[in-house]
Amino acid sequence: KASDRVQLTASAKRSMEETDFLDAKVVEEFLGVLGVTIAWPERSTLGLQAAYTHREFRGLERTDQKYEAAINFETPITDRVKLTSQLSYLHFETTFAELETDQLLGLVGISHTF
């Protein structure tokens, strides 16, 4: 917690798991995430998050990389209802067939707490 209104988060994970994807037997993955959440005076929150994922397929010449970024905003309408919005971007690339893709996603919604 950086202050009463700002919260910083960071995480990293390294894992290995078995797979049966073609000749690969093991997938090694690294995931890193950074985020910040800012609370505004009227109980609104602004969140920013970035993530990076790197995957190696052992026994196969394949490497995947994924970059993600998101910004979200919540503001209360009433004590139990919030207006929510999110804008996110994803870039994925792999050496498997030299594929690459991008995704931009925007969401707006209403949440209700029971």
N, C-alpha and C. Protein backbone atom coordinates (compact mmCIF):
# COMPACT_ATOMS: atom_id res chain seq x y z
N LYS A 1 0.86 -1.17 0.00
CA LYS A 1 0.00 0.00 0.00
C LYS A 1 0.90 1.23 0.00
N ALA A 2 0.81 2.03 -1.05
CA ALA A 2 1.66 3.21 -1.16
C ALA A 2 1.12 4.36 -0.33
N SER A 3 -0.20 4.46 -0.21
CA SER A 3 -0.84 5.48 0.61
C SER A 3 -2.26 5.02 0.89
N ASP A 4 -3.06 5.88 1.56
CA ASP A 4 -4.45 5.52 1.81
C ASP A 4 -5.26 5.38 0.53
N ARG A 5 -4.83 6.03 -0.53
CA ARG A 5 -5.59 6.01 -1.78
C ARG A 5 -4.94 5.21 -2.90
N VAL A 6 -3.69 4.82 -2.72
CA VAL A 6 -2.96 4.14 -3.79
C VAL A 6 -2.47 2.78 -3.29
N GLN A 7 -2.80 1.74 -4.04
CA GLN A 7 -2.35 0.38 -3.72
C GLN A 7 -1.57 -0.16 -4.90
N LEU A 8 -0.36 -0.63 -4.64
CA LEU A 8 0.49 -1.21 -5.67
C LEU A 8 0.53 -2.72 -5.49
N THR A 9 0.51 -3.46 -6.61
CA THR A 9 0.60 -4.92 -6.54
C THR A 9 1.64 -5.40 -7.55
N ALA A 10 2.30 -6.47 -7.20
CA ALA A 10 3.26 -7.11 -8.11
C ALA A 10 3.28 -8.60 -7.79
N SER A 11 3.39 -9.40 -8.81
CA SER A 11 3.51 -10.84 -8.59
C SER A 11 4.30 -11.46 -9.73
N ALA A 12 4.92 -12.58 -9.43
CA ALA A 12 5.66 -13.34 -10.43
C ALA A 12 5.47 -14.82 -10.12
N LYS A 13 5.39 -15.61 -11.17
CA LYS A 13 5.20 -17.05 -10.99
C LYS A 13 5.97 -17.79 -12.08
N ARG A 14 6.64 -18.83 -11.68
CA ARG A 14 7.31 -19.71 -12.64
C ARG A 14 6.79 -21.11 -12.40
N SER A 15 6.39 -21.79 -13.47
CA SER A 15 5.82 -23.12 -13.31
C SER A 15 6.22 -24.03 -14.47
N MET A 16 6.12 -25.31 -14.23
CA MET A 16 6.33 -26.32 -15.26
C MET A 16 5.17 -27.30 -15.18
N GLU A 17 4.65 -27.69 -16.33
CA GLU A 17 3.57 -28.67 -16.34
C GLU A 17 3.73 -29.61 -17.53
N GLU A 18 3.25 -30.80 -17.36
CA GLU A 18 3.30 -31.79 -18.43
C GLU A 18 2.30 -31.42 -19.52
N THR A 19 2.65 -31.80 -20.76
CA THR A 19 1.76 -31.54 -21.88
C THR A 19 1.90 -32.68 -22.89
N ASP A 20 0.93 -32.80 -23.76
CA ASP A 20 1.03 -33.77 -24.84
C ASP A 20 0.86 -33.08 -26.19
N PHE A 21 1.27 -31.81 -26.24
CA PHE A 21 1.18 -31.02 -27.47
C PHE A 21 2.29 -31.46 -28.43
N LEU A 22 1.94 -32.17 -29.49
CA LEU A 22 2.88 -32.72 -30.47
C LEU A 22 4.02 -33.44 -29.76
N ASP A 23 5.29 -33.04 -29.98
CA ASP A 23 6.43 -33.71 -29.36
C ASP A 23 6.82 -33.11 -28.01
N ALA A 24 6.18 -32.04 -27.62
CA ALA A 24 6.53 -31.40 -26.34
C ALA A 24 6.04 -32.26 -25.18
N LYS A 25 6.87 -32.34 -24.16
CA LYS A 25 6.50 -33.10 -22.96
C LYS A 25 6.26 -32.20 -21.76
N VAL A 26 6.90 -31.03 -21.76
CA VAL A 26 6.82 -30.11 -20.63
C VAL A 26 6.69 -28.68 -21.17
N VAL A 27 5.85 -27.89 -20.50
CA VAL A 27 5.74 -26.46 -20.78
C VAL A 27 6.24 -25.70 -19.56
N GLU A 28 7.21 -24.83 -19.78
CA GLU A 28 7.72 -23.99 -18.71
C GLU A 28 7.15 -22.59 -18.92
N GLU A 29 6.58 -22.02 -17.86
CA GLU A 29 5.92 -20.72 -17.99
C GLU A 29 6.40 -19.75 -16.93
N PHE A 30 6.59 -18.50 -17.34
CA PHE A 30 6.88 -17.41 -16.42
C PHE A 30 5.78 -16.36 -16.62
N LEU A 31 5.23 -15.87 -15.51
CA LEU A 31 4.18 -14.85 -15.54
C LEU A 31 4.55 -13.74 -14.57
N GLY A 32 4.54 -12.51 -15.05
CA GLY A 32 4.79 -11.35 -14.20
C GLY A 32 3.65 -10.35 -14.34
N VAL A 33 3.18 -9.80 -13.22
CA VAL A 33 2.06 -8.87 -13.22
C VAL A 33 2.39 -7.67 -12.33
N LEU A 34 2.10 -6.47 -12.82
CA LEU A 34 2.22 -5.23 -12.04
C LEU A 34 0.88 -4.51 -12.10
N GLY A 35 0.49 -3.89 -11.00
CA GLY A 35 -0.78 -3.17 -10.98
C GLY A 35 -0.79 -2.04 -9.98
N VAL A 36 -1.67 -1.10 -10.22
CA VAL A 36 -1.89 0.01 -9.29
C VAL A 36 -3.39 0.30 -9.27
N THR A 37 -3.91 0.54 -8.07
CA THR A 37 -5.31 0.93 -7.91
C THR A 37 -5.34 2.25 -7.15
N ILE A 38 -6.08 3.20 -7.69
CA ILE A 38 -6.18 4.52 -7.09
C ILE A 38 -7.62 4.76 -6.69
N ALA A 39 -7.84 5.11 -5.43
CA ALA A 39 -9.18 5.42 -4.93
C ALA A 39 -9.40 6.92 -5.02
N TRP A 40 -10.52 7.32 -5.61
CA TRP A 40 -10.87 8.73 -5.75
C TRP A 40 -11.80 9.12 -4.59
N PRO A 41 -11.96 10.40 -4.33
CA PRO A 41 -12.77 10.85 -3.19
C PRO A 41 -14.21 10.35 -3.15
N GLU A 42 -14.88 10.22 -4.27
CA GLU A 42 -16.29 9.80 -4.28
C GLU A 42 -16.43 8.28 -4.34
N ARG A 43 -15.50 7.54 -3.75
CA ARG A 43 -15.49 6.08 -3.71
C ARG A 43 -15.29 5.44 -5.08
N SER A 44 -14.88 6.18 -6.05
CA SER A 44 -14.55 5.64 -7.36
C SER A 44 -13.13 5.07 -7.32
N THR A 45 -12.86 4.10 -8.19
CA THR A 45 -11.52 3.54 -8.27
C THR A 45 -11.06 3.46 -9.72
N LEU A 46 -9.78 3.67 -9.91
CA LEU A 46 -9.13 3.55 -11.20
C LEU A 46 -8.04 2.51 -11.05
N GLY A 47 -8.03 1.52 -11.92
CA GLY A 47 -7.02 0.47 -11.85
C GLY A 47 -6.25 0.36 -13.14
N LEU A 48 -4.95 0.13 -13.03
CA LEU A 48 -4.08 -0.09 -14.17
C LEU A 48 -3.33 -1.40 -13.92
N GLN A 49 -3.20 -2.22 -14.95
CA GLN A 49 -2.51 -3.49 -14.78
C GLN A 49 -1.77 -3.84 -16.06
N ALA A 50 -0.58 -4.41 -15.90
CA ALA A 50 0.21 -4.90 -17.03
C ALA A 50 0.72 -6.29 -16.67
N ALA A 51 0.74 -7.18 -17.67
CA ALA A 51 1.20 -8.55 -17.44
C ALA A 51 2.01 -9.03 -18.63
N TYR A 52 2.97 -9.91 -18.34
CA TYR A 52 3.80 -10.54 -19.37
C TYR A 52 3.86 -12.03 -19.08
N THR A 53 3.63 -12.85 -20.11
CA THR A 53 3.71 -14.30 -19.98
C THR A 53 4.66 -14.84 -21.04
N HIS A 54 5.58 -15.70 -20.62
CA HIS A 54 6.53 -16.34 -21.52
C HIS A 54 6.42 -17.85 -21.33
N ARG A 55 6.17 -18.58 -22.42
CA ARG A 55 6.02 -20.05 -22.34
C ARG A 55 7.01 -20.71 -23.30
N GLU A 56 7.71 -21.71 -22.79
CA GLU A 56 8.64 -22.53 -23.59
C GLU A 56 8.11 -23.96 -23.61
N PHE A 57 8.00 -24.53 -24.79
CA PHE A 57 7.58 -25.92 -24.95
C PHE A 57 8.83 -26.77 -25.12
N ARG A 58 9.19 -27.55 -24.10
CA ARG A 58 10.39 -28.38 -24.13
C ARG A 58 10.15 -29.59 -25.03
N GLY A 59 11.12 -29.85 -25.92
CA GLY A 59 10.99 -30.96 -26.86
C GLY A 59 10.38 -30.50 -28.18
N LEU A 60 10.08 -29.24 -28.29
CA LEU A 60 9.48 -28.66 -29.49
C LEU A 60 10.00 -27.24 -29.62
N GLU A 61 10.31 -26.83 -30.81
CA GLU A 61 10.79 -25.45 -30.98
C GLU A 61 9.60 -24.50 -31.02
N ARG A 62 9.08 -24.21 -29.83
CA ARG A 62 7.94 -23.29 -29.74
C ARG A 62 8.11 -22.42 -28.50
N THR A 63 7.96 -21.13 -28.71
CA THR A 63 7.97 -20.15 -27.62
C THR A 63 6.78 -19.22 -27.82
N ASP A 64 6.00 -19.02 -26.77
CA ASP A 64 4.87 -18.09 -26.79
C ASP A 64 5.18 -16.90 -25.89
N GLN A 65 4.76 -15.72 -26.32
CA GLN A 65 4.86 -14.52 -25.49
C GLN A 65 3.53 -13.79 -25.56
N LYS A 66 3.09 -13.33 -24.39
CA LYS A 66 1.81 -12.61 -24.32
C LYS A 66 2.03 -11.35 -23.48
N TYR A 67 1.60 -10.23 -24.01
CA TYR A 67 1.65 -8.94 -23.33
C TYR A 67 0.22 -8.46 -23.13
N GLU A 68 -0.12 -8.05 -21.92
CA GLU A 68 -1.48 -7.59 -21.63
C GLU A 68 -1.42 -6.28 -20.84
N ALA A 69 -2.35 -5.40 -21.13
CA ALA A 69 -2.49 -4.15 -20.38
C ALA A 69 -3.97 -3.85 -20.24
N ALA A 70 -4.36 -3.31 -19.09
CA ALA A 70 -5.78 -3.01 -18.86
C ALA A 70 -5.90 -1.78 -17.97
N ILE A 71 -6.96 -1.06 -18.21
CA ILE A 71 -7.34 0.06 -17.35
C ILE A 71 -8.83 -0.13 -17.04
N ASN A 72 -9.19 0.01 -15.77
CA ASN A 72 -10.61 -0.12 -15.42
C ASN A 72 -11.00 0.98 -14.45
N PHE A 73 -12.29 1.27 -14.46
CA PHE A 73 -12.82 2.36 -13.64
C PHE A 73 -14.17 1.91 -13.07
N GLU A 74 -14.36 2.15 -11.77
CA GLU A 74 -15.63 1.87 -11.11
C GLU A 74 -16.09 3.12 -10.37
N THR A 75 -17.34 3.43 -10.51
CA THR A 75 -17.89 4.57 -9.77
C THR A 75 -19.28 4.19 -9.25
N PRO A 76 -19.57 4.49 -7.99
CA PRO A 76 -20.87 4.12 -7.44
C PRO A 76 -22.00 4.99 -7.98
N ILE A 77 -23.13 4.34 -8.24
CA ILE A 77 -24.35 5.05 -8.61
C ILE A 77 -25.22 5.18 -7.37
N THR A 78 -25.31 4.06 -6.62
CA THR A 78 -25.98 4.04 -5.32
C THR A 78 -25.07 3.24 -4.38
N ASP A 79 -25.53 2.97 -3.17
CA ASP A 79 -24.73 2.18 -2.24
C ASP A 79 -24.48 0.75 -2.73
N ARG A 80 -25.37 0.22 -3.56
CA ARG A 80 -25.25 -1.17 -4.00
C ARG A 80 -25.02 -1.34 -5.50
N VAL A 81 -25.06 -0.25 -6.24
CA VAL A 81 -24.92 -0.33 -7.70
C VAL A 81 -23.72 0.50 -8.15
N LYS A 82 -22.88 -0.10 -9.02
CA LYS A 82 -21.70 0.59 -9.54
C LYS A 82 -21.69 0.55 -11.07
N LEU A 83 -21.21 1.60 -11.65
CA LEU A 83 -20.94 1.65 -13.09
C LEU A 83 -19.49 1.20 -13.26
N THR A 84 -19.27 0.21 -14.12
CA THR A 84 -17.92 -0.31 -14.33
C THR A 84 -17.54 -0.19 -15.80
N SER A 85 -16.26 0.02 -16.05
CA SER A 85 -15.77 0.06 -17.43
C SER A 85 -14.34 -0.46 -17.46
N GLN A 86 -13.99 -1.03 -18.60
CA GLN A 86 -12.63 -1.57 -18.75
C GLN A 86 -12.21 -1.46 -20.20
N LEU A 87 -10.95 -1.13 -20.40
CA LEU A 87 -10.33 -1.14 -21.72
C LEU A 87 -9.08 -2.00 -21.58
N SER A 88 -8.96 -3.03 -22.42
CA SER A 88 -7.80 -3.91 -22.32
C SER A 88 -7.22 -4.19 -23.70
N TYR A 89 -5.91 -4.46 -23.70
CA TYR A 89 -5.17 -4.77 -24.93
C TYR A 89 -4.35 -6.02 -24.68
N LEU A 90 -4.32 -6.91 -25.67
CA LEU A 90 -3.55 -8.14 -25.60
C LEU A 90 -2.77 -8.31 -26.90
N HIS A 91 -1.49 -8.63 -26.77
CA HIS A 91 -0.67 -8.98 -27.93
C HIS A 91 -0.08 -10.36 -27.66
N PHE A 92 -0.29 -11.30 -28.60
CA PHE A 92 0.20 -12.67 -28.47
C PHE A 92 1.02 -13.01 -29.69
N GLU A 93 2.19 -13.59 -29.45
CA GLU A 93 3.00 -14.07 -30.56
C GLU A 93 3.60 -15.42 -30.19
N THR A 94 3.76 -16.26 -31.21
CA THR A 94 4.31 -17.59 -31.01
C THR A 94 5.21 -17.94 -32.18
N THR A 95 6.23 -18.73 -31.90
CA THR A 95 7.10 -19.22 -32.97
C THR A 95 6.47 -20.41 -33.69
N PHE A 96 5.38 -20.95 -33.13
CA PHE A 96 4.64 -22.04 -33.76
C PHE A 96 3.87 -21.47 -34.95
N ALA A 97 4.32 -21.78 -36.16
CA ALA A 97 3.73 -21.27 -37.40
C ALA A 97 3.83 -19.75 -37.50
N GLU A 98 4.71 -19.15 -36.69
CA GLU A 98 4.95 -17.71 -36.73
C GLU A 98 3.64 -16.89 -36.65
N LEU A 99 2.78 -17.26 -35.74
CA LEU A 99 1.50 -16.58 -35.56
C LEU A 99 1.65 -15.39 -34.63
N GLU A 100 0.83 -14.38 -34.88
CA GLU A 100 0.81 -13.18 -34.05
C GLU A 100 -0.60 -12.61 -34.09
N THR A 101 -1.10 -12.15 -32.93
CA THR A 101 -2.45 -11.60 -32.89
C THR A 101 -2.52 -10.47 -31.87
N ASP A 102 -3.45 -9.56 -32.10
CA ASP A 102 -3.72 -8.44 -31.20
C ASP A 102 -5.21 -8.40 -30.91
N GLN A 103 -5.55 -7.95 -29.70
CA GLN A 103 -6.95 -7.83 -29.32
C GLN A 103 -7.12 -6.56 -28.50
N LEU A 104 -8.10 -5.78 -28.85
CA LEU A 104 -8.49 -4.59 -28.08
C LEU A 104 -9.93 -4.80 -27.67
N LEU A 105 -10.20 -4.66 -26.37
CA LEU A 105 -11.52 -4.97 -25.85
C LEU A 105 -12.00 -3.84 -24.94
N GLY A 106 -13.20 -3.37 -25.14
CA GLY A 106 -13.81 -2.37 -24.28
C GLY A 106 -15.09 -2.90 -23.68
N LEU A 107 -15.26 -2.72 -22.40
CA LEU A 107 -16.45 -3.20 -21.68
C LEU A 107 -17.04 -2.09 -20.83
N VAL A 108 -18.35 -2.05 -20.76
CA VAL A 108 -19.07 -1.13 -19.87
C VAL A 108 -20.19 -1.94 -19.25
N GLY A 109 -20.37 -1.80 -17.93
CA GLY A 109 -21.41 -2.58 -17.30
C GLY A 109 -21.89 -1.97 -15.99
N ILE A 110 -22.86 -2.63 -15.43
CA ILE A 110 -23.45 -2.26 -14.14
C ILE A 110 -23.25 -3.46 -13.21
N SER A 111 -22.78 -3.22 -11.99
CA SER A 111 -22.69 -4.31 -11.02
C SER A 111 -23.58 -3.97 -9.82
N HIS A 112 -24.17 -5.02 -9.26
CA HIS A 112 -25.07 -4.87 -8.13
C HIS A 112 -24.60 -5.78 -7.02
N THR A 113 -24.48 -5.27 -5.82
CA THR A 113 -24.10 -6.05 -4.65
C THR A 113 -25.35 -6.43 -3.88
N PHE A 114 -25.51 -7.72 -3.63
CA PHE A 114 -26.69 -8.20 -2.90
C PHE A 114 -26.42 -8.23 -1.41
